[in-house]
C-alpha atoms as a PDB file:
ATOM      1  CA  MET A   1      -4.920   3.527   6.308  1.00  0.00           C
ATOM      2  CA  PRO A   2      -3.393  -0.021   6.239  1.00  0.00           C
ATOM      3  CA  SER A   3      -0.887  -0.478   9.122  1.00  0.00           C
ATOM      4  CA  ARG A   4       2.055  -1.171   7.020  1.00  0.00           C
ATOM      5  CA  GLN A   5       1.750   2.325   5.633  1.00  0.00           C
ATOM      6  CA  LEU A   6       1.412   3.908   8.464  1.00  0.00           C
ATOM      7  CA  ALA A   7       4.143   2.247   9.657  1.00  0.00           C
ATOM      8  CA  LEU A   8       6.276   3.216   6.954  1.00  0.00           C
ATOM      9  CA  ASP A   9       5.194   6.694   6.655  1.00  0.00           C
ATOM     10  CA  PHE A  10       6.235   7.168  10.559  1.00  0.00           C
ATOM     11  CA  VAL A  11       9.887   5.916  10.289  1.00  0.00           C
ATOM     12  CA  GLY A  12       9.897   7.700   7.048  1.00  0.00           C
ATOM     13  CA  THR A  13       9.550  11.286   8.028  1.00  0.00           C
ATOM     14  CA  VAL A  14      13.198  11.050   8.599  1.00  0.00           C
ATOM     15  CA  ARG A  15      14.166  11.142   4.935  1.00  0.00           C
ATOM     16  CA  ALA A  16      17.131  12.121   1.852  1.00  0.00           C
ATOM     17  CA  GLY A  17      16.902  15.800   0.911  1.00  0.00           C
ATOM     18  CA  ARG A  18      19.156  17.934  -1.891  1.00  0.00           C
ATOM     19  CA  SER A  19      21.124  18.752   1.175  1.00  0.00           C
ATOM     20  CA  GLY A  20      20.807  16.132   3.819  1.00  0.00           C
ATOM     21  CA  LEU A  21      18.305  14.860   6.023  1.00  0.00           C
ATOM     22  CA  ILE A  22      14.788  16.052   6.567  1.00  0.00           C
ATOM     23  CA  ASP A  23      13.187  15.882   9.176  1.00  0.00           C
ATOM     24  CA  GLN A  24       9.374  16.451   9.343  1.00  0.00           C
ATOM     25  CA  LEU A  25       8.954  16.078  12.833  1.00  0.00           C
ATOM     26  CA  ALA A  26      11.200  18.936  13.310  1.00  0.00           C
ATOM     27  CA  ASP A  27       9.321  21.375  14.820  1.00  0.00           C
ATOM     28  CA  VAL A  28       5.606  21.745  15.956  1.00  0.00           C
ATOM     29  CA  ASP A  29       4.604  22.956  12.802  1.00  0.00           C
ATOM     30  CA  ALA A  30       6.008  20.543  10.919  1.00  0.00           C
ATOM     31  CA  MET A  31       4.568  17.824  12.874  1.00  0.00           C
ATOM     32  CA  THR A  32       1.173  19.263  12.769  1.00  0.00           C
ATOM     33  CA  ALA A  33       1.398  19.178   9.101  1.00  0.00           C
ATOM     34  CA  TRP A  34       2.054  15.687   8.939  1.00  0.00           C
ATOM     35  CA  VAL A  35      -0.697  14.301  11.480  1.00  0.00           C
ATOM     36  CA  ARG A  36      -3.440  16.543  10.356  1.00  0.00           C
ATOM     37  CA  GLU A  37      -2.871  14.918   6.708  1.00  0.00           C
ATOM     38  CA  ARG A  38      -3.399  11.506   8.693  1.00  0.00           C
ATOM     39  CA  ALA A  39      -5.643  12.404  11.109  1.00  0.00           C
ATOM     40  CA  GLY A  40      -8.243   9.948  10.366  1.00  0.00           C
ATOM     41  CA  ALA A  41      -6.000   7.023  10.614  1.00  0.00           C
ATOM     42  CA  LEU A  42      -4.402   8.347  13.509  1.00  0.00           C
ATOM     43  CA  ASP A  43      -7.970   8.865  15.686  1.00  0.00           C
ATOM     44  CA  VAL A  44      -7.394  11.805  16.604  1.00  0.00           C
ATOM     45  CA  ASP A  45      -8.836  15.439  16.170  1.00  0.00           C
ATOM     46  CA  PRO A  46      -8.744  17.236  12.394  1.00  0.00           C
ATOM     47  CA  GLY A  47      -7.704  20.577  14.309  1.00  0.00           C
ATOM     48  CA  PHE A  48      -4.734  18.469  15.570  1.00  0.00           C
ATOM     49  CA  THR A  49      -1.851  21.020  16.777  1.00  0.00           C
ATOM     50  CA  ALA A  50       1.357  19.803  17.954  1.00  0.00           C
ATOM     51  CA  THR A  51       2.841  21.024  21.323  1.00  0.00           C
ATOM     52  CA  GLU A  52       7.092  20.709  21.883  1.00  0.00           C
ATOM     53  CA  ASP A  53       6.104  17.683  24.510  1.00  0.00           C
ATOM     54  CA  ALA A  54       4.039  16.077  21.899  1.00  0.00           C
ATOM     55  CA  ARG A  55       6.639  16.040  19.282  1.00  0.00           C
ATOM     56  CA  GLN A  56       9.358  15.264  21.475  1.00  0.00           C
ATOM     57  CA  GLU A  57       7.569  12.386  23.111  1.00  0.00           C
ATOM     58  CA  THR A  58       6.357  11.631  18.972  1.00  0.00           C
ATOM     59  CA  VAL A  59       9.747  11.863  18.073  1.00  0.00           C
ATOM     60  CA  ARG A  60      11.250   9.456  20.820  1.00  0.00           C
ATOM     61  CA  LEU A  61       8.325   7.072  19.540  1.00  0.00           C
ATOM     62  CA  ARG A  62      10.080   7.134  15.882  1.00  0.00           C
ATOM     63  CA  GLN A  63      13.361   6.424  16.991  1.00  0.00           C
ATOM     64  CA  ALA A  64      12.023   3.627  19.050  1.00  0.00           C
ATOM     65  CA  VAL A  65      10.042   2.074  15.976  1.00  0.00           C
ATOM     66  CA  ARG A  66      12.659   3.059  13.813  1.00  0.00           C
ATOM     67  CA  SER A  67      15.293   0.695  16.568  1.00  0.00           C
ATOM     68  CA  LEU A  68      12.807  -2.139  16.185  1.00  0.00           C
ATOM     69  CA  PHE A  69      12.831  -1.755  11.927  1.00  0.00           C
ATOM     70  CA  ALA A  70      16.891  -1.557  12.333  1.00  0.00           C
ATOM     71  CA  ARG A  71      16.499  -5.006  14.326  1.00  0.00           C
ATOM     72  CA  ALA A  72      13.848  -6.533  11.773  1.00  0.00           C
ATOM     73  CA  VAL A  73      16.329  -6.280   8.952  1.00  0.00           C
ATOM     74  CA  SER A  74      19.059  -7.627  10.272  1.00  0.00           C
ATOM     75  CA  PRO A  75      21.759  -8.831   9.234  1.00  0.00           C
ATOM     76  CA  GLU A  76      20.841  -6.617   6.210  1.00  0.00           C
ATOM     77  CA  PRO A  77      22.119  -2.917   7.133  1.00  0.00           C
ATOM     78  CA  PRO A  78      19.453  -0.623   8.831  1.00  0.00           C
ATOM     79  CA  SER A  79      19.253   3.037   7.177  1.00  0.00           C
ATOM     80  CA  ARG A  80      22.157   4.916   7.096  1.00  0.00           C
ATOM     81  CA  ALA A  81      20.144   7.845   8.766  1.00  0.00           C
ATOM     82  CA  ASP A  82      20.635   7.389  12.152  1.00  0.00           C
ATOM     83  CA  ALA A  83      21.615   3.263  12.597  1.00  0.00           C
ATOM     84  CA  ALA A  84      24.355   4.827  15.344  1.00  0.00           C
ATOM     85  CA  ARG A  85      22.331   7.114  17.249  1.00  0.00           C
ATOM     86  CA  LEU A  86      19.548   5.136  18.045  1.00  0.00           C
ATOM     87  CA  PRO A  87      18.334   3.782  21.251  1.00  0.00           C
ATOM     88  CA  GLY A  88      18.771   0.331  22.830  1.00  0.00           C
ATOM     89  CA  PHE A  89      16.436  -3.115  21.325  1.00  0.00           C
ATOM     90  CA  ALA A  90      14.827  -3.426  25.008  1.00  0.00           C
ATOM     91  CA  GLU A  91      14.469   0.220  26.023  1.00  0.00           C
ATOM     92  CA  SER A  92      12.856   0.755  22.148  1.00  0.00           C
ATOM     93  CA  LEU A  93      10.373  -2.525  23.002  1.00  0.00           C
ATOM     94  CA  ASP A  94       9.298  -0.815  26.012  1.00  0.00           C
ATOM     95  CA  LEU A  95       8.852   2.480  24.954  1.00  0.00           C
ATOM     96  CA  VAL A  96       6.282   1.221  22.198  1.00  0.00           C
ATOM     97  CA  ASN A  97       4.889  -1.096  24.217  1.00  0.00           C
ATOM     98  CA  ALA A  98       3.919   1.319  26.805  1.00  0.00           C
ATOM     99  CA  ALA A  99       2.473   3.749  24.045  1.00  0.00           C
ATOM    100  CA  VAL A 100       0.224   0.970  22.785  1.00  0.00           C
ATOM    101  CA  LEU A 101      -1.039   0.605  26.429  1.00  0.00           C
ATOM    102  CA  ALA A 102      -1.834   4.659  27.293  1.00  0.00           C
ATOM    103  CA  ALA A 103      -4.508   4.599  24.921  1.00  0.00           C
ATOM    104  CA  PRO A 104      -5.703   1.103  23.611  1.00  0.00           C
ATOM    105  CA  ARG A 105      -6.873   0.831  19.782  1.00  0.00           C
ATOM    106  CA  SER A 106      -9.441  -2.303  20.674  1.00  0.00           C
ATOM    107  CA  PRO A 107     -12.878  -0.706  20.464  1.00  0.00           C
ATOM    108  CA  GLN A 108     -14.998  -0.113  23.788  1.00  0.00           C
ATOM    109  CA  LEU A 109     -18.776   0.217  23.599  1.00  0.00           C
ATOM    110  CA  ALA A 110     -20.567   3.711  24.096  1.00  0.00           C
ATOM    111  CA  TRP A 111     -24.122   3.553  24.729  1.00  0.00           C
ATOM    112  CA  PRO A 112     -25.639   7.054  24.955  1.00  0.00           C
ATOM    113  CA  ASP A 113     -29.021   7.950  25.672  1.00  0.00           C
ATOM    114  CA  GLY A 114     -29.772   7.139  21.918  1.00  0.00           C
ATOM    115  CA  PRO A 115     -30.979   3.982  19.952  1.00  0.00           C
ATOM    116  CA  GLU A 116     -27.457   3.372  18.252  1.00  0.00           C
ATOM    117  CA  PRO A 117     -24.398   2.326  20.355  1.00  0.00           C
ATOM    118  CA  ARG A 118     -20.947   3.629  18.695  1.00  0.00           C
ATOM    119  CA  THR A 119     -17.330   2.853  19.615  1.00  0.00           C
ATOM    120  CA  ALA A 120     -15.682   5.028  21.827  1.00  0.00           C
ATOM    121  CA  PRO A 121     -11.793   6.212  22.611  1.00  0.00           C
ATOM    122  CA  PHE A 122      -9.957   5.189  25.358  1.00  0.00           C
ATOM    123  CA  PRO A 123     -11.044   7.106  28.572  1.00  0.00           C
ATOM    124  CA  GLY A 124      -8.790  10.403  29.222  1.00  0.00           C
ATOM    125  CA  ALA A 125      -6.408   9.937  26.605  1.00  0.00           C
ATOM    126  CA  ASP A 126      -5.725  13.485  24.959  1.00  0.00           C
ATOM    127  CA  ASP A 127      -4.830  13.490  21.168  1.00  0.00           C
ATOM    128  CA  ALA A 128      -1.779  13.426  21.780  1.00  0.00           C
ATOM    129  CA  THR A 129      -1.605  10.120  23.793  1.00  0.00           C
ATOM    130  CA  ARG A 130      -4.078   8.777  21.248  1.00  0.00           C
ATOM    131  CA  LEU A 131      -1.767   9.779  18.330  1.00  0.00           C
ATOM    132  CA  ARG A 132       1.508   8.179  19.674  1.00  0.00           C
ATOM    133  CA  ALA A 133      -0.980   4.758  20.966  1.00  0.00           C
ATOM    134  CA  ALA A 134      -2.183   4.619  16.866  1.00  0.00           C
ATOM    135  CA  LEU A 135       1.349   4.497  15.943  1.00  0.00           C
ATOM    136  CA  ALA A 136       2.791   2.349  17.927  1.00  0.00           C
ATOM    137  CA  THR A 137       0.408   0.020  17.193  1.00  0.00           C
ATOM    138  CA  ALA A 138       0.260  -0.106  13.434  1.00  0.00           C
ATOM    139  CA  ALA A 139       4.421  -0.185  14.049  1.00  0.00           C
ATOM    140  CA  VAL A 140       3.240  -3.404  16.368  1.00  0.00           C
ATOM    141  CA  ARG A 141       1.008  -5.003  13.576  1.00  0.00           C
ATOM    142  CA  PHE A 142       3.288  -4.821  10.803  1.00  0.00           C
ATOM    143  CA  LEU A 143       6.461  -6.015  12.551  1.00  0.00           C
ATOM    144  CA  THR A 144       4.207  -9.260  13.768  1.00  0.00           C
ATOM    145  CA  GLY A 145       2.023  -9.460  10.865  1.00  0.00           C
ATOM    146  CA  PRO A 146       2.943 -11.456   7.204  1.00  0.00           C
ATOM    147  CA  ASP A 147       4.527  -8.198   5.580  1.00  0.00           C
ATOM    148  CA  LEU A 148       7.251  -8.222   7.748  1.00  0.00           C
ATOM    149  CA  PRO A 149       9.868 -10.462   5.774  1.00  0.00           C
ATOM    150  CA  GLN A 150       9.220  -7.588   2.950  1.00  0.00           C
ATOM    151  CA  LEU A 151      11.086  -5.221   4.917  1.00  0.00           C
ATOM    152  CA  ARG A 152      13.798  -3.980   3.194  1.00  0.00           C
ATOM    153  CA  THR A 153      16.028  -0.693   3.820  1.00  0.00           C
ATOM    154  CA  CYS A 154      16.761   0.858   0.481  1.00  0.00           C
ATOM    155  CA  GLN A 155      20.180   1.608  -0.513  1.00  0.00           C
ATOM    156  CA  ALA A 156      20.237   3.516  -3.125  1.00  0.00           C
ATOM    157  CA  PRO A 157      22.595   6.759  -2.968  1.00  0.00           C
ATOM    158  CA  ARG A 158      21.479   9.185  -0.418  1.00  0.00           C
ATOM    159  CA  CYS A 159      18.367   7.029   0.434  1.00  0.00           C
ATOM    160  CA  VAL A 160      17.430   5.916   3.688  1.00  0.00           C
ATOM    161  CA  LEU A 161      13.953   4.613   3.804  1.00  0.00           C
ATOM    162  CA  TYR A 162      12.584   1.510   4.980  1.00  0.00           C
ATOM    163  CA  PHE A 163      10.076  -0.091   2.701  1.00  0.00           C
ATOM    164  CA  ALA A 164       7.971  -3.316   1.949  1.00  0.00           C
ATOM    165  CA  LYS A 165       9.529  -5.184  -0.958  1.00  0.00           C
ATOM    166  CA  ASP A 166       5.950  -5.605  -3.259  1.00  0.00           C
ATOM    167  CA  HIS A 167       7.561  -7.395  -5.964  1.00  0.00           C
ATOM    168  CA  PRO A 168      10.708 -10.290  -6.105  1.00  0.00           C
ATOM    169  CA  ARG A 169      12.959  -7.853  -8.371  1.00  0.00           C
ATOM    170  CA  GLN A 170      12.202  -4.957  -6.124  1.00  0.00           C
ATOM    171  CA  GLU A 171      15.624  -3.448  -4.582  1.00  0.00           C
ATOM    172  CA  TRP A 172      14.863   0.287  -4.335  1.00  0.00           C
ATOM    173  CA  CYS A 173      11.584   1.613  -2.595  1.00  0.00           C
ATOM    174  CA  SER A 174      10.626   3.552  -5.149  1.00  0.00           C
ATOM    175  CA  THR A 175      11.468   3.977  -9.212  1.00  0.00           C
ATOM    176  CA  ALA A 176      13.221   6.871  -8.529  1.00  0.00           C
ATOM    177  CA  CYS A 177      15.803   5.312  -6.199  1.00  0.00           C
ATOM    178  CA  GLY A 178      16.013   2.982  -8.713  1.00  0.00           C
ATOM    179  CA  ASN A 179      17.422   4.625 -11.511  1.00  0.00           C
ATOM    180  CA  ARG A 180      19.388   7.077  -9.109  1.00  0.00           C
ATOM    181  CA  ALA A 181      21.352   3.585  -8.143  1.00  0.00           C
ATOM    182  CA  ARG A 182      21.695   2.325 -11.644  1.00  0.00           C
ATOM    183  CA  ALA A 183      23.290   5.710 -13.038  1.00  0.00           C
ATOM    184  CA  ALA A 184      25.496   5.782  -9.533  1.00  0.00           C
ATOM    185  CA  ARG A 185      26.508   1.584 -10.802  1.00  0.00           C
ATOM    186  CA  HIS A 186      26.775   3.140 -14.458  1.00  0.00           C
ATOM    187  CA  TYR A 187      29.436   5.898 -13.417  1.00  0.00           C
ATOM    188  CA  ARG A 188      31.463   3.571 -10.819  1.00  0.00           C
ATOM    189  CA  GLU A 189      31.730   1.138 -13.659  1.00  0.00           C
ATOM    190  CA  HIS A 190      33.009   3.616 -16.093  1.00  0.00           C
ATOM    191  CA  LYS A 191      35.291   5.381 -14.235  1.00  0.00           C
ATOM    192  CA  LYS A 192      36.430   1.644 -13.293  1.00  0.00           C
ATOM    193  CA  HIS A 193      37.113   1.423 -16.357  1.00  0.00           C
ATOM    194  CA  GLN A 194      38.481   4.294 -17.749  1.00  0.00           C
ATOM    195  CA  GLY A 195      41.081   4.140 -14.677  1.00  0.00           C
ATOM    196  CA  ALA A 196      42.098   0.405 -16.465  1.00  0.00           C
ATOM    197  CA  GLN A 197      42.427   2.490 -19.501  1.00  0.00           C
ATOM    198  CA  GLU A 198      45.082   5.072 -17.914  1.00  0.00           C
ATOM    199  CA  THR A 199      46.690   2.653 -16.023  1.00  0.00           C
ATOM    200  CA  HIS A 200      47.244   0.209 -19.261  1.00  0.00           C
ATOM    201  CA  PRO A 201      46.958   2.057 -22.348  1.00  0.00           C
ATOM    202  CA  LEU A 202      47.184   0.259 -25.463  1.00  0.00           C
END
């Protein structure tokens, strides 16, 4: 999975539902399911099972990355999900960098008794640490990569997602959000026109 997609998936674990925000890392079961779907990209065991400590640390990292995304889209508005509750910029930067350094993703060489060398994971890092390192590294690569100028916040009604603008005319994160935004605009214009007719009847 490309760094861009992994970073956007991670910040997108907070999303809008029909009755409010949905947090895909809300509990250990939800986080376990989310990680297992991406185990290969995250360099963790496919049978990964989250603990409450790992969940809380991962949520802290997510909020730090969301803070950096909010800074990256400025002066455009950040995601409406949690803009007022994000950690500060300096604290977020430190947390992301610490997560990267806890289990660097650069390949290391291992050469067991057999004839073939292989890459080895960072020694002593558990799955939860490697998971956060992979997520933080994806965020760093995205924020320093060529796709950063395309980072946007979806402004469709109820949507709180960040997305990368792939086409010059793209305004929303998805077709569904585009349809919802156009319907809301049509409704506002209709109400405005209706109000004007009531104020100035023929």
